[in-house]
Protein backbone atom coordinates (compact mmCIF):
# COMPACT_ATOMS: atom_id res chain seq x y z
CA MET A 1 -0.07 0.17 0.29
CA LEU A 2 3.09 2.13 1.07
CA ASN A 3 4.54 1.91 -2.44
CA LYS A 4 1.33 2.76 -4.24
CA LEU A 5 1.10 5.70 -2.41
CA LEU A 6 4.50 6.63 -3.10
CA LEU A 7 4.34 5.92 -7.10
CA LEU A 8 1.12 8.01 -7.20
CA LEU A 9 3.23 11.22 -5.58
CA CYS A 10 5.31 10.56 -8.01
CA LEU A 11 3.27 10.94 -10.93
CA VAL A 12 1.22 13.37 -9.47
CA GLY A 13 3.88 15.34 -7.76
CA PRO A 14 5.06 17.18 -11.31
CA GLY A 15 1.54 18.59 -11.88
CA PHE A 16 2.22 20.68 -8.87
CA ALA A 17 5.44 22.31 -9.90
CA LYS A 18 5.09 25.99 -10.41
CA GLU A 19 5.63 27.11 -13.77
CA ALA A 20 8.27 28.93 -15.10
CA PRO A 21 7.94 33.07 -15.74
CA ASP A 22 7.90 33.83 -19.14
CA VAL A 23 10.98 36.00 -19.93
CA ASP A 24 11.92 38.56 -22.58
CA CYS A 25 14.55 40.39 -23.01
CA VAL A 26 15.93 43.08 -25.80
CA VAL A 27 19.61 45.13 -25.96
CA LEU A 28 18.68 48.96 -25.63
CA HIS A 29 20.75 50.70 -27.77
CA LEU A 30 23.70 48.24 -27.32
CA GLU A 31 24.13 49.87 -24.01
CA SER A 32 21.96 47.79 -21.65
CA VAL A 33 19.25 44.70 -21.61
CA LYS A 34 16.02 44.71 -20.78
CA CYS A 35 14.54 41.86 -19.82
CA THR A 36 10.68 41.34 -18.55
CA TRP A 37 8.44 38.40 -16.99
CA ASN A 38 4.78 37.03 -16.94
CA ARG A 39 4.01 39.61 -18.78
CA HIS A 40 0.36 37.35 -20.16
CA GLY A 41 -0.32 36.96 -16.60
CA ASN A 42 -1.18 38.38 -12.84
CA LEU A 43 2.33 38.56 -10.59
CA THR A 44 1.92 37.57 -7.40
CA VAL A 45 5.21 37.40 -5.67
CA ASN A 46 8.27 39.50 -5.87
CA TYR A 47 11.31 37.62 -8.17
CA THR A 48 15.11 39.01 -7.68
CA PHE A 49 16.97 38.92 -10.23
CA SER A 50 20.48 38.24 -12.12
CA SER A 51 22.23 37.34 -15.22
CA TRP A 52 25.07 36.82 -17.20
CA PHE A 53 26.54 36.24 -20.17
CA HIS A 54 27.80 32.94 -21.36
CA HIS A 55 31.88 32.56 -19.90
CA GLY A 56 30.53 35.54 -17.45
CA LYS A 57 30.19 36.30 -14.05
CA ALA A 58 26.59 36.37 -12.36
CA ARG A 59 25.19 40.11 -11.76
CA ALA A 60 22.25 40.75 -9.57
CA CYS A 61 19.37 43.39 -10.96
CA GLU A 62 21.18 46.84 -10.87
CA MET A 63 17.59 48.40 -11.53
CA TYR A 64 14.32 46.52 -11.29
CA LEU A 65 10.88 47.64 -13.12
CA THR A 66 8.32 47.43 -10.61
CA ASN A 67 4.16 48.15 -11.47
CA ASP A 68 2.25 48.41 -8.17
CA SER A 69 5.27 47.57 -5.88
CA MET A 70 6.16 44.49 -8.28
CA ASN A 71 8.63 43.70 -10.25
CA TYR A 72 7.82 42.51 -13.46
CA GLY A 73 11.06 43.54 -15.52
CA CYS A 74 15.04 44.58 -14.89
CA ILE A 75 17.75 46.26 -16.93
CA GLN A 76 20.84 45.30 -16.17
CA PRO A 77 24.37 47.17 -18.18
CA TYR A 78 25.11 45.77 -21.69
CA GLY A 79 29.12 45.33 -21.04
CA ASN A 80 31.59 44.29 -24.12
CA ILE A 81 29.44 45.24 -28.00
CA LEU A 82 29.83 41.72 -28.88
CA ASN A 83 28.23 40.26 -26.10
CA ARG A 84 24.74 39.86 -27.98
CA PHE A 85 26.55 37.23 -30.09
CA TYR A 86 26.46 34.82 -26.40
CA THR A 87 24.11 33.13 -24.89
CA PHE A 88 22.35 34.71 -22.12
CA TYR A 89 21.35 33.58 -18.77
CA MET A 90 18.68 34.53 -16.31
CA GLN A 91 17.74 33.77 -13.25
CA LEU A 92 14.66 34.42 -11.06
CA VAL A 93 15.06 33.65 -7.50
CA HIS A 94 11.61 33.67 -4.60
CA GLY A 95 12.25 31.54 -1.65
CA ASN A 96 12.69 28.08 -2.32
CA ASP A 97 11.68 28.42 -6.12
CA THR A 98 14.29 28.84 -8.65
CA PHE A 99 13.46 29.32 -12.53
CA LEU A 100 16.69 29.37 -15.21
CA THR A 101 16.39 30.36 -18.72
CA THR A 102 18.49 30.89 -21.51
CA ASP A 103 17.83 33.36 -24.84
CA GLU A 104 20.24 34.75 -27.89
CA LEU A 105 20.27 38.12 -28.05
CA LYS A 106 21.74 38.24 -31.76
CA SER A 107 18.98 39.82 -33.17
CA LYS A 108 17.04 41.56 -30.22
CA VAL A 109 18.71 44.93 -30.63
CA LYS A 110 16.59 48.08 -30.37
CA LEU A 111 18.22 51.39 -31.42
CA ASN A 112 17.23 54.88 -30.10
CA PRO A 113 15.99 56.86 -32.99
CA PRO A 114 17.87 59.05 -35.04
CA THR A 115 18.51 62.51 -33.16
CA ASN A 116 18.81 66.54 -34.73
CA LEU A 117 17.47 66.14 -37.84
CA THR A 118 17.45 69.17 -40.06
CA ALA A 119 16.46 70.65 -43.31
CA GLN A 120 18.51 72.62 -45.34
CA LYS A 121 17.84 74.11 -48.74
CA GLY A 122 20.96 73.67 -50.81
CA SER A 123 22.68 75.51 -53.02
CA ASP A 124 21.50 72.88 -55.83
CA SER A 125 17.83 74.01 -55.09
CA ASN A 126 17.56 70.41 -53.61
CA LEU A 127 16.03 69.88 -50.21
CA TRP A 128 18.61 68.35 -47.79
CA PHE A 129 17.62 66.50 -44.43
CA TYR A 130 20.45 65.63 -42.37
CA TRP A 131 20.58 63.62 -38.62
CA ASN A 132 22.59 61.49 -36.30
CA GLN A 133 23.06 58.00 -35.24
CA SER A 134 25.74 56.92 -32.52
CA PHE A 135 26.37 54.10 -34.96
CA SER A 136 27.25 55.31 -38.32
CA THR A 137 29.17 52.31 -39.55
CA MET A 138 27.04 49.58 -39.20
CA VAL A 139 23.28 50.67 -39.01
CA GLN A 140 21.09 51.20 -41.77
CA ASN A 141 18.33 53.90 -41.81
CA GLU A 142 14.83 53.72 -43.38
CA VAL A 143 13.43 57.40 -43.72
CA ARG A 144 9.68 58.56 -44.74
CA TYR A 145 8.64 61.78 -45.82
CA ARG A 146 5.01 63.21 -47.44
CA THR A 147 3.61 66.07 -48.92
CA ASN A 148 0.67 68.39 -47.42
CA TYR A 149 -0.40 65.68 -44.89
CA LYS A 150 -1.15 63.07 -47.96
CA LYS A 151 0.54 59.48 -47.89
CA TRP A 152 3.53 58.61 -46.06
CA ASN A 153 6.31 57.26 -49.14
CA THR A 154 9.11 55.48 -47.42
CA PHE A 155 12.88 54.78 -48.63
CA THR A 156 15.37 52.09 -47.32
CA LEU A 157 19.14 54.01 -47.52
CA ASN A 158 22.43 52.75 -48.14
CA LEU A 159 24.32 51.10 -44.90
CA GLY A 160 25.90 54.40 -43.35
CA LYS A 161 24.16 56.99 -44.54
CA GLN A 162 22.97 59.77 -42.89
CA ASN A 163 21.38 62.32 -45.08
CA TYR A 164 18.46 62.25 -47.61
CA CYS A 165 17.79 64.47 -50.86
CA ILE A 166 14.29 65.73 -52.42
CA ASN A 167 15.08 67.12 -55.70
CA LEU A 168 13.24 70.39 -56.93
CA PRO A 169 11.54 70.96 -53.87
CA SER A 170 7.95 73.15 -54.52
CA SER A 171 8.15 76.19 -52.69
CA SER A 172 4.57 75.95 -51.99
CA SER A 173 4.21 72.81 -50.50
CA ARG A 174 5.16 71.33 -46.65
CA TYR A 175 7.66 68.88 -46.29
CA GLU A 176 7.34 66.48 -43.23
CA LEU A 177 9.78 63.87 -42.76
CA GLN A 178 11.17 61.11 -40.20
CA VAL A 179 13.84 58.84 -40.02
CA ARG A 180 14.53 55.13 -38.04
CA SER A 181 17.35 52.90 -37.99
CA ARG A 182 18.28 49.24 -37.31
CA LEU A 183 21.71 47.26 -37.33
CA HIS A 184 22.49 45.53 -40.60
CA GLU A 185 22.36 42.26 -41.16
CA THR A 186 26.37 41.78 -41.75
CA CYS A 187 25.97 43.01 -37.77
CA GLY A 188 23.24 40.83 -36.72
CA ALA A 189 20.42 41.78 -38.42
CA SER A 190 17.83 43.47 -35.53
CA GLY A 191 14.58 45.28 -35.47
CA TRP A 192 13.66 48.85 -36.30
CA SER A 193 13.87 51.80 -33.82
CA GLU A 194 11.23 53.93 -33.24
CA TRP A 195 10.56 56.94 -35.52
CA SER A 196 12.09 59.74 -34.54
CA GLU A 197 10.55 62.91 -34.09
CA PRO A 198 9.38 64.70 -37.45
CA VAL A 199 11.11 67.86 -39.40
CA MET A 200 9.01 70.00 -41.14
CA TRP A 201 10.15 72.65 -44.45
CA GLY A 202 7.93 74.34 -46.70
CA THR A 203 4.68 76.61 -46.26
CA ASN A 204 2.13 75.49 -43.68
CA LYS A 205 -0.79 73.86 -45.31
CA SER A 206 -2.91 73.47 -42.51
CA THR A 207 -5.80 75.11 -43.98
CA GLU A 208 -5.38 73.06 -46.93
CA SER A 209 -5.31 69.70 -45.07
CA ASP A 210 -8.57 71.13 -43.28
CA HIS A 211 -9.98 71.40 -46.34
CA GLY A 212 -8.99 68.34 -47.95
CA GLN A 213 -10.29 66.27 -44.59
CA SER A 214 -13.70 67.91 -45.17
CA SER A 215 -13.84 66.88 -48.67
CA THR A 216 -13.12 63.40 -47.85
CA PHE A 217 -16.04 63.56 -45.66
CA VAL A 218 -18.17 65.14 -48.31
CA TRP A 219 -17.22 62.72 -50.40
CA ILE A 220 -17.99 59.66 -47.78
CA ILE A 221 -21.50 60.87 -46.85
CA VAL A 222 -22.07 61.23 -50.71
CA TYR A 223 -21.21 57.66 -51.34
CA THR A 224 -23.29 56.22 -48.34
CA LEU A 225 -26.54 57.94 -49.12
CA ALA A 226 -26.11 57.87 -53.00
CA PRO A 227 -27.14 53.88 -52.72
CA VAL A 228 -29.74 54.66 -49.88
CA LEU A 229 -31.71 57.13 -51.98
CA LEU A 230 -31.34 54.94 -55.04
CA LEU A 231 -33.01 51.77 -53.04
CA LEU A 232 -35.94 54.64 -51.57
CA MET A 233 -36.53 55.16 -55.39
CA VAL A 234 -36.66 51.78 -56.66
CA VAL A 235 -38.95 50.54 -53.70
CA VAL A 236 -41.52 53.65 -54.52
CA LEU A 237 -41.39 52.82 -58.09
CA LEU A 238 -42.66 48.91 -57.21
CA ARG A 239 -44.89 50.48 -54.34
CA TYR A 240 -46.80 52.62 -56.68
CA GLU A 241 -45.96 50.92 -60.26
CA ARG A 242 -50.14 52.02 -61.14
CA PHE A 243 -50.05 55.38 -60.99
CA ARG A 244 -49.35 57.25 -64.41
CA ILE A 245 -48.75 60.91 -65.34
CA ILE A 246 -51.39 61.72 -67.80
CA PHE A 247 -51.25 64.83 -69.57
CA ILE A 248 -54.85 66.49 -69.97
CA ARG A 249 -54.37 68.91 -73.65
CA VAL A 250 -56.30 72.56 -72.82
CA VAL A 251 -60.15 72.64 -74.02
CA PRO A 252 -60.39 74.91 -76.99
CA LYS A 253 -62.73 77.55 -77.07
CA PRO A 254 -66.18 76.07 -78.23
CA SER A 255 -66.58 77.36 -81.62
CA LEU A 256 -69.79 78.06 -83.47
CA PRO A 257 -71.73 76.09 -85.65
CA PRO A 258 -70.66 75.09 -89.07
CA ASP A 259 -73.41 76.71 -90.72
CA ILE A 260 -73.03 79.92 -89.22
CA GLU A 261 -69.36 80.34 -88.31
CA PRO A 262 -68.55 81.30 -92.34
CA TRP A 263 -71.14 84.28 -92.32
CA LEU A 264 -69.26 85.91 -89.53
CA GLN A 265 -66.49 86.03 -92.22
CA ILE A 266 -68.49 88.43 -94.75
CA SER A 267 -69.73 91.78 -94.30
CA LYS A 268 -73.41 92.91 -93.40
CA ASP A 269 -74.02 94.19 -96.91
CA LEU A 270 -73.23 90.47 -98.51
CA LYS A 271 -74.85 88.66 -96.02
CA GLU A 272 -77.86 91.13 -96.77
CA GLY A 273 -77.50 90.33 -100.34
CA PHE A 274 -78.14 86.46 -99.86
CA LYS A 275 -81.83 87.19 -98.31
CA THR A 276 -84.68 86.36 -100.25
CA ASN A 277 -86.60 88.84 -101.87
CA TYR A 278 -89.94 87.01 -103.06
CA HIS A 279 -93.07 85.45 -101.94
CA GLU A 280 -94.33 82.18 -103.62
CA GLN A 281 -98.40 81.77 -103.27
CA ALA A 282 -99.63 79.42 -100.16
CA CYS A 283 -101.45 76.24 -101.16
CA PRO A 284 -104.37 75.48 -98.76
CA VAL A 285 -103.54 72.26 -97.00
CA ARG A 286 -106.56 70.09 -95.06
CA ASP A 287 -106.55 66.62 -93.42
CA TYR A 288 -107.36 63.97 -95.88
CA ARG A 289 -111.12 62.41 -95.55
CA GLN A 290 -111.70 59.07 -97.18
CA VAL A 291 -114.93 59.96 -99.73
CA SER A 292 -117.56 56.89 -100.25
CA GLN A 293 -118.12 55.89 -103.63
């Protein structure tokens, strides 16, 4: 009986073990490592965090990220710029519970956005944009610009390039440009940084933008109401299909009888000439009476 109980505890015991927290890390601008845990659940305990790169020494967390007095992350110094090519070890401890996990940070680098964006009209009449990025030799930049608040145009630049040119810009247009950066594939590809603060150049077209937005709103209303009105017209025609519009001609003024009308077109003297000027002898007339033979 005791052997069966011990066997049951061995089989069921792992089911009661606590699940290791989900830890995710990213290298911030090759200066520090930011790790967060238990992102998809509610924290119930405060873990202590320590980490190290392969062949390195364990280092306790120097700056915890907290929410409602609960630790949910840690920011550690990054150290050597090549550390991202080594395995990164993380350890979470609470009481007698210890969880050890590893991560590969080669492709988990997130640079800071470029800074000091400026716009300058060059001597060649072209519009030039310039910016600064700490790691210029192994960083690839991507720019996006738009004219008069219209659709963005996006272009990926060559490795290390920190300027962009718009040929012969219109003096009556407003240009807006932003830049973001990432490590190039040859240096260990990473995700894009956030977009930089925008830089503006040109005439303020805010009124034109408002007008464009109002025009768009009007067209939306037109395209929405037109099908509804068409549907109502069809329903009305089908419902009252027996109704017809009949045009009644104007009744003309009654004319004189044909025997009188011709007389109206001749003079009075001529009309008198057509009257009779003779008399016939009257014949006596009486009722027919049968005479006996």
